[in-house]
């Protein structure tokens, strides 16, 4: 259920139960405990109650737990809207097809490499440091933050990894600053602009 909430949308107990593959009563019991512990917050609207993370720190904690958790087959969401699949935020970094393609691109170009000591962690190479610097990203500033620097984050719609951690967040923020992407209002959905599509193509990535 926490992985589903990483996508950023507020979800009902029924949606979380269905997405996690558990009984609604079980979901309700766990949600009650998460609320009592201050990890989630709930908002009532009409007949429904929607759940979301209580703070940014909770999302960062879940991201860290995803790094050390043993691999498991992700549950298939009950309903996946196509724009959500194409490009979205996974809390503060890019996910969906755009996110996984960006990570693949950086690995192919040798900007990032797997950490031999921890398969979920990623190392920024000198070539990557130089390339990201040209894009206006400051890896040093991202590294100074009190969170993991660069890691693989399992994408629930693509079933592949996208770039998480402080570096993933910095890259997403720079793309917004450059106006390569637009974030839809009241949504985690991301739209690639015309300028962004051209820029991504120059990098060797075809973005919708």
N, C-alpha and C. Protein backbone atom coordinates (compact mmCIF):
# COMPACT_ATOMS: atom_id res chain seq x y z
N UNK A 1 0.83 -1.21 0.00
CA UNK A 1 0.00 0.00 0.00
C UNK A 1 0.86 1.26 0.00
N UNK A 2 1.98 1.21 0.74
CA UNK A 2 2.87 2.37 0.78
C UNK A 2 3.53 2.61 -0.56
N UNK A 3 3.86 1.54 -1.28
CA UNK A 3 4.44 1.69 -2.61
C UNK A 3 3.44 2.36 -3.54
N UNK A 4 2.18 1.98 -3.46
CA UNK A 4 1.15 2.61 -4.29
C UNK A 4 1.04 4.10 -3.97
N UNK A 5 1.16 4.47 -2.71
CA UNK A 5 1.07 5.87 -2.32
C UNK A 5 2.29 6.67 -2.77
N UNK A 6 3.41 5.99 -3.08
CA UNK A 6 4.58 6.69 -3.58
C UNK A 6 4.30 7.39 -4.90
N UNK A 7 3.27 6.94 -5.63
CA UNK A 7 2.93 7.58 -6.90
C UNK A 7 2.42 9.00 -6.69
N UNK A 8 1.96 9.28 -5.45
CA UNK A 8 1.60 10.65 -5.13
C UNK A 8 0.13 10.96 -5.07
N UNK A 9 -0.72 10.06 -5.60
CA UNK A 9 -2.16 10.31 -5.55
C UNK A 9 -2.74 9.88 -4.21
N UNK A 10 -3.76 10.57 -3.75
CA UNK A 10 -4.50 10.13 -2.57
C UNK A 10 -5.43 9.01 -3.00
N UNK A 11 -5.43 7.91 -2.27
CA UNK A 11 -6.21 6.73 -2.64
C UNK A 11 -7.12 6.30 -1.50
N UNK A 12 -8.22 5.65 -1.86
CA UNK A 12 -9.16 5.14 -0.86
C UNK A 12 -8.66 3.80 -0.33
N UNK A 13 -9.24 3.35 0.77
CA UNK A 13 -8.87 2.07 1.35
C UNK A 13 -9.16 0.93 0.37
N UNK A 14 -10.27 1.04 -0.37
CA UNK A 14 -10.61 0.01 -1.35
C UNK A 14 -9.59 -0.06 -2.47
N UNK A 15 -9.17 1.10 -2.97
CA UNK A 15 -8.16 1.13 -4.03
C UNK A 15 -6.83 0.57 -3.55
N UNK A 16 -6.46 0.89 -2.32
CA UNK A 16 -5.21 0.39 -1.77
C UNK A 16 -5.27 -1.11 -1.54
N UNK A 17 -6.41 -1.60 -1.08
CA UNK A 17 -6.57 -3.04 -0.87
C UNK A 17 -6.48 -3.80 -2.18
N UNK A 18 -7.17 -3.29 -3.20
CA UNK A 18 -7.16 -3.95 -4.50
C UNK A 18 -5.77 -3.91 -5.12
N UNK A 19 -5.10 -2.78 -5.02
CA UNK A 19 -3.76 -2.66 -5.59
C UNK A 19 -2.74 -3.53 -4.88
N UNK A 20 -2.92 -3.73 -3.57
CA UNK A 20 -1.99 -4.54 -2.79
C UNK A 20 -2.36 -6.02 -2.79
N UNK A 21 -3.56 -6.34 -3.28
CA UNK A 21 -3.99 -7.73 -3.33
C UNK A 21 -4.37 -8.30 -1.98
N UNK A 22 -4.99 -7.48 -1.13
CA UNK A 22 -5.41 -7.94 0.20
C UNK A 22 -6.89 -7.63 0.40
N UNK A 23 -7.47 -8.21 1.43
CA UNK A 23 -8.87 -7.97 1.73
C UNK A 23 -9.08 -6.55 2.27
N UNK A 24 -10.22 -5.92 1.94
CA UNK A 24 -10.48 -4.56 2.43
C UNK A 24 -10.38 -4.43 3.94
N UNK A 25 -10.85 -5.44 4.68
CA UNK A 25 -10.78 -5.37 6.14
C UNK A 25 -9.34 -5.34 6.62
N UNK A 26 -8.47 -6.08 5.95
CA UNK A 26 -7.05 -6.09 6.30
C UNK A 26 -6.43 -4.73 6.02
N UNK A 27 -6.77 -4.16 4.87
CA UNK A 27 -6.25 -2.84 4.52
C UNK A 27 -6.69 -1.80 5.54
N UNK A 28 -7.96 -1.84 5.91
CA UNK A 28 -8.50 -0.88 6.88
C UNK A 28 -7.77 -0.96 8.20
N UNK A 29 -7.46 -2.19 8.64
CA UNK A 29 -6.76 -2.39 9.90
C UNK A 29 -5.36 -1.79 9.84
N UNK A 30 -4.65 -2.03 8.76
CA UNK A 30 -3.30 -1.50 8.62
C UNK A 30 -3.31 0.02 8.46
N UNK A 31 -4.29 0.54 7.73
CA UNK A 31 -4.38 1.98 7.55
C UNK A 31 -4.64 2.68 8.88
N UNK A 32 -5.44 2.06 9.70
CA UNK A 32 -5.74 2.64 11.01
C UNK A 32 -4.45 2.76 11.84
N UNK A 33 -3.61 1.72 11.78
CA UNK A 33 -2.36 1.75 12.53
C UNK A 33 -1.40 2.79 11.96
N UNK A 34 -1.37 2.91 10.63
CA UNK A 34 -0.49 3.91 10.00
C UNK A 34 -0.94 5.33 10.35
N UNK A 35 -2.25 5.53 10.45
CA UNK A 35 -2.77 6.84 10.87
C UNK A 35 -2.41 7.13 12.32
N UNK A 36 -2.59 6.12 13.18
CA UNK A 36 -2.28 6.30 14.60
C UNK A 36 -0.81 6.62 14.82
N UNK A 37 0.06 6.05 13.96
CA UNK A 37 1.50 6.28 14.10
C UNK A 37 1.96 7.57 13.41
N UNK A 38 1.02 8.29 12.79
CA UNK A 38 1.35 9.55 12.17
C UNK A 38 2.07 9.45 10.84
N UNK A 39 2.03 8.26 10.21
CA UNK A 39 2.69 8.08 8.92
C UNK A 39 1.80 8.50 7.76
N UNK A 40 0.50 8.37 7.93
CA UNK A 40 -0.46 8.76 6.90
C UNK A 40 -1.41 9.80 7.45
N UNK A 41 -2.07 10.51 6.53
CA UNK A 41 -3.16 11.39 6.89
C UNK A 41 -4.35 11.07 6.00
N UNK A 42 -5.53 11.33 6.50
CA UNK A 42 -6.74 11.00 5.77
C UNK A 42 -7.60 12.24 5.59
N UNK A 43 -8.23 12.33 4.41
CA UNK A 43 -9.14 13.43 4.11
C UNK A 43 -10.46 12.86 3.63
N UNK A 44 -11.55 13.29 4.23
CA UNK A 44 -12.88 12.82 3.84
C UNK A 44 -13.47 13.77 2.81
N UNK A 45 -14.01 13.18 1.75
CA UNK A 45 -14.67 13.96 0.70
C UNK A 45 -15.89 13.18 0.24
N UNK A 46 -17.06 13.70 0.55
CA UNK A 46 -18.27 12.96 0.23
C UNK A 46 -18.35 11.68 1.04
N UNK A 47 -18.58 10.57 0.35
CA UNK A 47 -18.68 9.28 1.02
C UNK A 47 -17.34 8.58 1.15
N UNK A 48 -16.29 9.19 0.62
CA UNK A 48 -14.99 8.50 0.57
C UNK A 48 -13.97 9.16 1.48
N UNK A 49 -13.03 8.34 1.94
CA UNK A 49 -11.90 8.83 2.72
C UNK A 49 -10.64 8.51 1.94
N UNK A 50 -9.80 9.52 1.75
CA UNK A 50 -8.59 9.38 0.94
C UNK A 50 -7.36 9.44 1.84
N UNK A 51 -6.40 8.56 1.52
CA UNK A 51 -5.18 8.46 2.32
C UNK A 51 -3.98 8.92 1.52
N UNK A 52 -3.04 9.56 2.20
CA UNK A 52 -1.79 10.01 1.59
C UNK A 52 -0.73 10.07 2.69
N UNK A 53 0.56 10.25 2.27
CA UNK A 53 1.63 10.37 3.25
C UNK A 53 1.43 11.62 4.09
N UNK A 54 1.84 11.54 5.35
CA UNK A 54 1.68 12.68 6.26
C UNK A 54 2.72 13.76 6.02
N UNK A 55 3.87 13.39 5.42
CA UNK A 55 4.93 14.37 5.21
C UNK A 55 5.93 13.86 4.17
N UNK A 56 6.81 14.76 3.71
CA UNK A 56 7.88 14.38 2.80
C UNK A 56 8.81 13.36 3.44
N UNK A 57 9.01 13.49 4.74
CA UNK A 57 9.93 12.59 5.43
C UNK A 57 9.43 11.14 5.39
N UNK A 58 8.11 10.95 5.43
CA UNK A 58 7.56 9.59 5.36
C UNK A 58 7.86 8.99 3.99
N UNK A 59 7.69 9.78 2.93
CA UNK A 59 7.97 9.28 1.59
C UNK A 59 9.44 8.91 1.43
N UNK A 60 10.33 9.72 2.00
CA UNK A 60 11.76 9.43 1.93
C UNK A 60 12.09 8.16 2.72
N UNK A 61 11.40 7.94 3.83
CA UNK A 61 11.61 6.72 4.61
C UNK A 61 11.16 5.50 3.81
N UNK A 62 10.00 5.60 3.14
CA UNK A 62 9.51 4.49 2.34
C UNK A 62 10.46 4.20 1.19
N UNK A 63 11.00 5.26 0.58
CA UNK A 63 11.96 5.08 -0.51
C UNK A 63 13.18 4.32 -0.01
N UNK A 64 13.65 4.63 1.21
CA UNK A 64 14.80 3.94 1.78
C UNK A 64 14.46 2.48 2.06
N UNK A 65 13.25 2.22 2.55
CA UNK A 65 12.83 0.84 2.82
C UNK A 65 12.73 0.02 1.54
N UNK A 66 12.30 0.66 0.44
CA UNK A 66 12.20 -0.04 -0.83
C UNK A 66 13.57 -0.51 -1.31
N UNK A 67 14.61 0.21 -0.90
CA UNK A 67 15.97 -0.13 -1.31
C UNK A 67 16.43 -1.43 -0.65
N UNK A 68 16.06 -1.64 0.62
CA UNK A 68 16.56 -2.80 1.36
C UNK A 68 15.56 -3.94 1.40
N UNK A 69 14.33 -3.72 0.96
CA UNK A 69 13.32 -4.77 1.00
C UNK A 69 13.65 -5.87 -0.01
N UNK A 70 13.37 -7.13 0.32
CA UNK A 70 13.63 -8.21 -0.65
C UNK A 70 12.73 -8.07 -1.86
N UNK A 71 13.21 -8.47 -3.05
CA UNK A 71 12.41 -8.35 -4.27
C UNK A 71 11.11 -9.15 -4.17
N UNK A 72 10.05 -8.60 -4.73
CA UNK A 72 8.78 -9.30 -4.79
C UNK A 72 8.01 -8.81 -5.99
N UNK A 73 7.12 -9.64 -6.46
CA UNK A 73 6.31 -9.28 -7.61
C UNK A 73 5.32 -8.21 -7.20
N UNK A 74 5.35 -7.09 -7.91
CA UNK A 74 4.44 -5.98 -7.58
C UNK A 74 3.02 -6.30 -8.01
N UNK A 75 2.06 -5.85 -7.21
CA UNK A 75 0.66 -6.07 -7.55
C UNK A 75 0.28 -5.16 -8.71
N UNK A 76 -0.61 -5.64 -9.54
CA UNK A 76 -1.07 -4.84 -10.68
C UNK A 76 -2.15 -3.87 -10.23
N UNK A 77 -2.01 -2.59 -10.46
CA UNK A 77 -3.04 -1.62 -10.06
C UNK A 77 -4.37 -1.92 -10.74
N UNK A 78 -5.44 -1.60 -10.05
CA UNK A 78 -6.77 -1.89 -10.59
C UNK A 78 -7.02 -1.14 -11.88
N UNK A 79 -6.56 0.09 -11.95
CA UNK A 79 -6.80 0.90 -13.14
C UNK A 79 -5.63 1.85 -13.33
N UNK A 80 -5.00 1.79 -14.47
CA UNK A 80 -3.86 2.66 -14.76
C UNK A 80 -4.22 3.56 -15.92
N UNK A 81 -4.23 4.86 -15.68
CA UNK A 81 -4.55 5.82 -16.72
C UNK A 81 -3.30 6.03 -17.57
N UNK A 82 -3.43 6.02 -18.89
CA UNK A 82 -2.28 6.06 -19.77
C UNK A 82 -1.33 7.23 -19.52
N UNK A 83 -1.81 8.48 -19.32
CA UNK A 83 -0.87 9.55 -19.02
C UNK A 83 -0.03 9.27 -17.77
N UNK A 84 -0.62 8.56 -16.81
CA UNK A 84 0.10 8.18 -15.61
C UNK A 84 1.23 7.21 -15.96
N UNK A 85 0.98 6.32 -16.90
CA UNK A 85 2.00 5.36 -17.34
C UNK A 85 3.13 6.08 -18.07
N UNK A 86 2.79 7.05 -18.89
CA UNK A 86 3.79 7.70 -19.74
C UNK A 86 4.81 8.50 -18.93
N UNK A 87 4.34 9.35 -18.05
CA UNK A 87 5.25 10.20 -17.26
C UNK A 87 4.52 10.73 -16.05
N UNK A 88 5.16 10.63 -14.90
CA UNK A 88 4.55 11.11 -13.66
C UNK A 88 5.65 11.30 -12.63
N UNK A 89 5.28 11.85 -11.50
CA UNK A 89 6.20 11.94 -10.38
C UNK A 89 6.00 10.75 -9.46
N UNK A 90 7.09 10.17 -9.00
CA UNK A 90 7.08 9.20 -7.90
C UNK A 90 7.60 10.00 -6.71
N UNK A 91 6.71 10.65 -6.06
CA UNK A 91 6.96 11.65 -5.03
C UNK A 91 7.71 12.84 -5.61
N UNK A 92 9.05 12.86 -5.61
CA UNK A 92 9.73 14.04 -6.14
C UNK A 92 10.69 13.72 -7.28
N UNK A 93 10.62 12.50 -7.80
CA UNK A 93 11.46 12.15 -8.94
C UNK A 93 10.60 11.54 -10.04
N UNK A 94 11.13 11.48 -11.26
CA UNK A 94 10.35 11.09 -12.42
C UNK A 94 10.16 9.58 -12.51
N UNK A 95 8.94 9.19 -12.89
CA UNK A 95 8.59 7.78 -13.01
C UNK A 95 7.81 7.56 -14.30
N UNK A 96 7.28 6.35 -14.45
CA UNK A 96 6.59 6.00 -15.69
C UNK A 96 7.60 5.67 -16.77
N UNK A 97 7.12 5.59 -18.00
CA UNK A 97 7.99 5.27 -19.12
C UNK A 97 9.13 6.28 -19.26
N UNK A 98 8.82 7.56 -19.01
CA UNK A 98 9.86 8.59 -19.10
C UNK A 98 10.95 8.34 -18.07
N UNK A 99 10.56 8.05 -16.84
CA UNK A 99 11.53 7.83 -15.77
C UNK A 99 12.42 6.63 -16.01
N UNK A 100 11.82 5.50 -16.41
CA UNK A 100 12.62 4.30 -16.64
C UNK A 100 13.52 4.47 -17.85
N UNK A 101 13.03 5.17 -18.88
CA UNK A 101 13.86 5.42 -20.06
C UNK A 101 15.05 6.32 -19.73
N UNK A 102 14.83 7.30 -18.87
CA UNK A 102 15.92 8.19 -18.47
C UNK A 102 17.01 7.43 -17.72
N UNK A 103 16.60 6.53 -16.83
CA UNK A 103 17.60 5.75 -16.11
C UNK A 103 18.35 4.84 -17.08
N UNK A 104 17.63 4.20 -18.00
CA UNK A 104 18.28 3.35 -18.98
C UNK A 104 19.29 4.12 -19.82
N UNK A 105 18.92 5.34 -20.18
CA UNK A 105 19.81 6.19 -20.98
C UNK A 105 21.10 6.49 -20.20
N UNK A 106 20.96 6.85 -18.94
CA UNK A 106 22.13 7.21 -18.14
C UNK A 106 23.05 6.01 -17.89
N UNK A 107 22.46 4.84 -17.78
CA UNK A 107 23.26 3.63 -17.62
C UNK A 107 24.00 3.28 -18.91
N UNK A 108 23.30 3.42 -20.05
CA UNK A 108 23.93 3.11 -21.34
C UNK A 108 25.07 4.08 -21.64
N UNK A 109 24.88 5.34 -21.29
CA UNK A 109 25.91 6.34 -21.56
C UNK A 109 27.06 6.29 -20.56
N UNK A 110 26.89 5.48 -19.52
CA UNK A 110 27.93 5.38 -18.51
C UNK A 110 27.95 6.54 -17.53
N UNK A 111 26.83 7.27 -17.43
CA UNK A 111 26.75 8.36 -16.46
C UNK A 111 26.54 7.81 -15.06
N UNK A 112 25.82 6.71 -14.99
CA UNK A 112 25.56 6.03 -13.73
C UNK A 112 26.03 4.58 -13.85
N UNK A 113 26.41 4.00 -12.71
CA UNK A 113 26.81 2.59 -12.68
C UNK A 113 26.30 1.97 -11.39
N UNK A 114 26.06 0.68 -11.43
CA UNK A 114 25.60 -0.02 -10.23
C UNK A 114 26.71 -0.07 -9.19
N UNK A 115 26.32 0.06 -7.94
CA UNK A 115 27.27 -0.02 -6.83
C UNK A 115 27.54 -1.50 -6.54
N UNK A 116 28.78 -1.97 -6.65
CA UNK A 116 29.07 -3.38 -6.40
C UNK A 116 28.70 -3.82 -4.98
N UNK A 117 28.69 -2.88 -4.04
CA UNK A 117 28.38 -3.21 -2.65
C UNK A 117 26.89 -3.28 -2.38
N UNK A 118 26.08 -2.69 -3.26
CA UNK A 118 24.63 -2.65 -3.06
C UNK A 118 23.97 -2.45 -4.41
N UNK A 119 23.32 -3.49 -4.91
CA UNK A 119 22.75 -3.47 -6.26
C UNK A 119 21.68 -2.40 -6.43
N UNK A 120 21.05 -1.96 -5.34
CA UNK A 120 20.00 -0.96 -5.45
C UNK A 120 20.56 0.46 -5.51
N UNK A 121 21.82 0.63 -5.10
CA UNK A 121 22.43 1.95 -5.12
C UNK A 121 23.12 2.19 -6.46
N UNK A 122 23.21 3.45 -6.86
CA UNK A 122 23.85 3.82 -8.12
C UNK A 122 25.00 4.79 -7.85
N UNK A 123 26.05 4.65 -8.63
CA UNK A 123 27.21 5.52 -8.50
C UNK A 123 27.26 6.48 -9.68
N UNK A 124 27.52 7.74 -9.40
CA UNK A 124 27.68 8.73 -10.46
C UNK A 124 29.13 8.69 -10.93
N UNK A 125 29.33 8.47 -12.22
CA UNK A 125 30.67 8.41 -12.79
C UNK A 125 31.17 9.81 -13.10
N UNK A 126 32.49 9.96 -13.33
CA UNK A 126 33.01 11.29 -13.75
C UNK A 126 32.32 11.79 -15.01
N UNK A 127 32.04 10.87 -15.95
CA UNK A 127 31.34 11.28 -17.18
C UNK A 127 29.94 11.77 -16.85
N UNK A 128 29.29 11.11 -15.91
CA UNK A 128 27.95 11.52 -15.50
C UNK A 128 27.95 12.84 -14.79
N UNK A 129 28.94 13.05 -13.93
CA UNK A 129 29.06 14.32 -13.22
C UNK A 129 29.20 15.47 -14.21
N UNK A 130 30.01 15.26 -15.24
CA UNK A 130 30.24 16.30 -16.24
C UNK A 130 28.98 16.53 -17.08
N UNK A 131 28.32 15.43 -17.48
CA UNK A 131 27.12 15.55 -18.33
C UNK A 131 25.98 16.21 -17.59
N UNK A 132 25.76 15.82 -16.33
CA UNK A 132 24.68 16.44 -15.56
C UNK A 132 24.98 17.90 -15.27
N UNK A 133 26.26 18.21 -15.07
CA UNK A 133 26.64 19.61 -14.87
C UNK A 133 26.28 20.47 -16.06
N UNK A 134 26.46 19.92 -17.27
CA UNK A 134 26.10 20.66 -18.48
C UNK A 134 24.60 20.89 -18.56
N UNK A 135 23.82 20.00 -17.94
CA UNK A 135 22.36 20.16 -17.91
C UNK A 135 21.91 21.11 -16.81
N UNK A 136 22.84 21.55 -15.99
CA UNK A 136 22.51 22.48 -14.92
C UNK A 136 22.21 21.82 -13.59
N UNK A 137 22.48 20.52 -13.49
CA UNK A 137 22.26 19.79 -12.24
C UNK A 137 23.53 19.84 -11.41
N UNK A 138 23.39 20.08 -10.10
CA UNK A 138 24.53 20.14 -9.19
C UNK A 138 24.56 18.87 -8.34
N UNK A 139 25.31 17.84 -8.77
CA UNK A 139 25.36 16.59 -8.00
C UNK A 139 25.89 16.79 -6.58
N UNK A 140 26.81 17.74 -6.40
CA UNK A 140 27.35 18.00 -5.08
C UNK A 140 26.28 18.44 -4.10
N UNK A 141 25.39 19.31 -4.55
CA UNK A 141 24.30 19.78 -3.69
C UNK A 141 23.36 18.64 -3.34
N UNK A 142 23.09 17.78 -4.32
CA UNK A 142 22.21 16.63 -4.07
C UNK A 142 22.87 15.66 -3.09
N UNK A 143 24.17 15.48 -3.21
CA UNK A 143 24.89 14.55 -2.34
C UNK A 143 24.91 15.04 -0.88
N UNK A 144 24.83 16.35 -0.68
CA UNK A 144 24.92 16.92 0.67
C UNK A 144 23.62 16.76 1.46
N UNK A 145 22.53 16.38 0.79
CA UNK A 145 21.25 16.25 1.48
C UNK A 145 21.23 14.98 2.34
N UNK A 146 20.42 15.02 3.37
CA UNK A 146 20.35 13.89 4.30
C UNK A 146 19.35 12.84 3.80
N UNK A 147 19.68 12.26 2.67
CA UNK A 147 18.89 11.17 2.10
C UNK A 147 19.80 10.42 1.15
N UNK A 148 19.40 9.25 0.70
CA UNK A 148 20.25 8.51 -0.22
C UNK A 148 20.43 9.31 -1.51
N UNK A 149 21.61 9.19 -2.07
CA UNK A 149 22.00 10.05 -3.19
C UNK A 149 21.34 9.60 -4.50
N UNK A 150 21.57 8.37 -4.91
CA UNK A 150 21.02 7.86 -6.17
C UNK A 150 20.73 6.38 -6.00
N UNK A 151 19.52 5.98 -6.33
CA UNK A 151 19.14 4.59 -6.12
C UNK A 151 18.14 4.15 -7.18
N UNK A 152 17.99 2.86 -7.31
CA UNK A 152 16.98 2.29 -8.18
C UNK A 152 15.66 2.26 -7.42
N UNK A 153 14.61 2.74 -8.05
CA UNK A 153 13.28 2.76 -7.44
C UNK A 153 12.34 2.01 -8.39
N UNK A 154 11.73 0.93 -7.91
CA UNK A 154 10.89 0.09 -8.77
C UNK A 154 9.65 0.85 -9.20
N UNK A 155 9.43 0.90 -10.51
CA UNK A 155 8.29 1.61 -11.09
C UNK A 155 7.10 0.66 -11.16
N UNK A 156 5.98 1.03 -10.52
CA UNK A 156 4.85 0.09 -10.43
C UNK A 156 4.15 -0.14 -11.74
N UNK A 157 4.21 0.79 -12.68
CA UNK A 157 3.52 0.58 -13.96
C UNK A 157 4.43 -0.06 -15.01
N UNK A 158 5.73 0.25 -14.97
CA UNK A 158 6.65 -0.26 -15.98
C UNK A 158 7.33 -1.56 -15.56
N UNK A 159 7.31 -1.85 -14.24
CA UNK A 159 7.99 -3.04 -13.71
C UNK A 159 9.49 -3.00 -13.99
N UNK A 160 10.03 -1.80 -14.10
CA UNK A 160 11.46 -1.58 -14.24
C UNK A 160 11.85 -0.49 -13.24
N UNK A 161 13.13 -0.24 -13.14
CA UNK A 161 13.60 0.78 -12.20
C UNK A 161 13.66 2.15 -12.84
N UNK A 162 13.36 3.18 -12.05
CA UNK A 162 13.67 4.54 -12.43
C UNK A 162 14.62 5.11 -11.38
N UNK A 163 15.14 6.30 -11.62
CA UNK A 163 16.13 6.90 -10.73
C UNK A 163 15.46 7.60 -9.57
N UNK A 164 15.77 7.15 -8.36
CA UNK A 164 15.24 7.77 -7.16
C UNK A 164 16.34 8.48 -6.39
N UNK A 165 16.03 8.91 -5.19
CA UNK A 165 17.02 9.58 -4.35
C UNK A 165 17.14 11.06 -4.68
N UNK A 166 18.11 11.69 -4.02
CA UNK A 166 18.31 13.13 -4.18
C UNK A 166 18.67 13.52 -5.61
N UNK A 167 19.45 12.66 -6.28
CA UNK A 167 19.85 12.98 -7.65
C UNK A 167 18.65 12.91 -8.59
N UNK A 168 17.79 11.93 -8.41
CA UNK A 168 16.58 11.84 -9.22
C UNK A 168 15.69 13.05 -9.05
N UNK A 169 15.58 13.53 -7.80
CA UNK A 169 14.77 14.71 -7.52
C UNK A 169 15.38 15.95 -8.16
N UNK A 170 16.72 16.07 -8.09
CA UNK A 170 17.39 17.23 -8.67
C UNK A 170 17.24 17.25 -10.18
N UNK A 171 17.30 16.09 -10.80
CA UNK A 171 17.15 16.01 -12.25
C UNK A 171 15.74 16.42 -12.67
N UNK A 172 14.74 15.92 -11.95
CA UNK A 172 13.36 16.28 -12.26
C UNK A 172 13.11 17.77 -12.10
N UNK A 173 13.66 18.35 -11.05
CA UNK A 173 13.47 19.79 -10.80
C UNK A 173 14.14 20.62 -11.88
N UNK A 174 15.31 20.18 -12.36
CA UNK A 174 15.99 20.91 -13.41
C UNK A 174 15.22 20.84 -14.73
N UNK A 175 14.61 19.69 -15.01
CA UNK A 175 13.80 19.56 -16.22
C UNK A 175 12.61 20.52 -16.17
N UNK A 176 12.05 20.72 -14.99
CA UNK A 176 10.95 21.68 -14.84
C UNK A 176 11.46 23.10 -15.05
N UNK A 177 12.64 23.40 -14.49
CA UNK A 177 13.23 24.73 -14.64
C UNK A 177 13.51 25.04 -16.10
N UNK A 178 13.99 24.05 -16.83
CA UNK A 178 14.29 24.21 -18.25
C UNK A 178 13.02 24.20 -19.11
N UNK A 179 11.88 23.90 -18.48
CA UNK A 179 10.59 23.80 -19.15
C UNK A 179 10.58 22.67 -20.19
N UNK A 180 11.30 21.60 -19.85
CA UNK A 180 11.24 20.40 -20.68
C UNK A 180 10.02 19.57 -20.32
N UNK A 181 9.55 19.74 -19.09
CA UNK A 181 8.35 19.04 -18.63
C UNK A 181 7.44 20.02 -17.90
N UNK A 182 6.15 19.73 -17.93
CA UNK A 182 5.15 20.47 -17.17
C UNK A 182 4.41 19.48 -16.29
N UNK A 183 4.16 19.89 -15.07
CA UNK A 183 3.39 19.06 -14.15
C UNK A 183 1.95 19.53 -14.14
N UNK A 184 1.03 18.63 -14.39
CA UNK A 184 -0.38 19.00 -14.43
C UNK A 184 -0.86 19.42 -13.04
N UNK A 185 -1.71 20.41 -13.00
CA UNK A 185 -2.21 20.94 -11.75
C UNK A 185 -3.01 19.89 -10.99
N UNK A 186 -2.76 19.80 -9.68
CA UNK A 186 -3.45 18.86 -8.80
C UNK A 186 -3.24 17.41 -9.26
N UNK A 187 -2.09 17.12 -9.82
CA UNK A 187 -1.83 15.78 -10.33
C UNK A 187 -0.34 15.51 -10.33
N UNK A 188 0.02 14.23 -10.36
CA UNK A 188 1.43 13.83 -10.50
C UNK A 188 1.78 13.60 -11.97
N UNK A 189 0.82 13.74 -12.84
CA UNK A 189 1.06 13.50 -14.27
C UNK A 189 1.98 14.57 -14.84
N UNK A 190 2.91 14.15 -15.68
CA UNK A 190 3.89 15.04 -16.30
C UNK A 190 3.68 15.05 -17.81
N UNK A 191 3.75 16.24 -18.40
CA UNK A 191 3.68 16.36 -19.86
C UNK A 191 5.03 16.85 -20.37
N UNK A 192 5.54 16.14 -21.38
CA UNK A 192 6.79 16.57 -22.01
C UNK A 192 6.47 17.68 -23.00
N UNK A 193 7.12 18.82 -22.88
CA UNK A 193 6.87 19.94 -23.78
C UNK A 193 7.54 19.69 -25.13
N UNK A 194 7.24 20.57 -26.09
CA UNK A 194 7.88 20.47 -27.41
C UNK A 194 9.39 20.64 -27.26
N UNK A 195 9.79 21.63 -26.46
CA UNK A 195 11.22 21.85 -26.23
C UNK A 195 11.85 20.66 -25.53
N UNK A 196 11.11 20.07 -24.61
CA UNK A 196 11.61 18.90 -23.90
C UNK A 196 11.79 17.70 -24.80
N UNK A 197 10.81 17.47 -25.69
CA UNK A 197 10.90 16.35 -26.61
C UNK A 197 12.13 16.48 -27.51
N UNK A 198 12.38 17.71 -27.96
CA UNK A 198 13.55 17.96 -28.81
C UNK A 198 14.85 17.75 -28.02
N UNK A 199 14.86 18.22 -26.76
CA UNK A 199 16.06 18.09 -25.93
C UNK A 199 16.33 16.63 -25.59
N UNK A 200 15.28 15.89 -25.25
CA UNK A 200 15.45 14.48 -24.93
C UNK A 200 15.93 13.71 -26.16
N UNK A 201 15.43 14.09 -27.32
CA UNK A 201 15.86 13.42 -28.55
C UNK A 201 17.34 13.66 -28.81
N UNK A 202 17.81 14.88 -28.51
CA UNK A 202 19.23 15.17 -28.69
C UNK A 202 20.09 14.34 -27.74
N UNK A 203 19.52 14.00 -26.57
CA UNK A 203 20.24 13.17 -25.62
C UNK A 203 20.20 11.70 -26.01
N UNK A 204 19.34 11.37 -26.98
CA UNK A 204 19.22 9.97 -27.39
C UNK A 204 18.02 9.28 -26.81
N UNK A 205 17.04 10.06 -26.33
CA UNK A 205 15.84 9.51 -25.73
C UNK A 205 14.61 10.01 -26.46
N UNK A 206 13.74 9.10 -26.83
CA UNK A 206 12.49 9.49 -27.46
C UNK A 206 11.41 9.56 -26.40
N UNK A 207 10.90 10.74 -26.14
CA UNK A 207 9.89 10.96 -25.10
C UNK A 207 8.57 11.35 -25.73
N UNK A 208 7.47 10.77 -25.21
CA UNK A 208 6.14 11.08 -25.73
C UNK A 208 5.74 12.48 -25.33
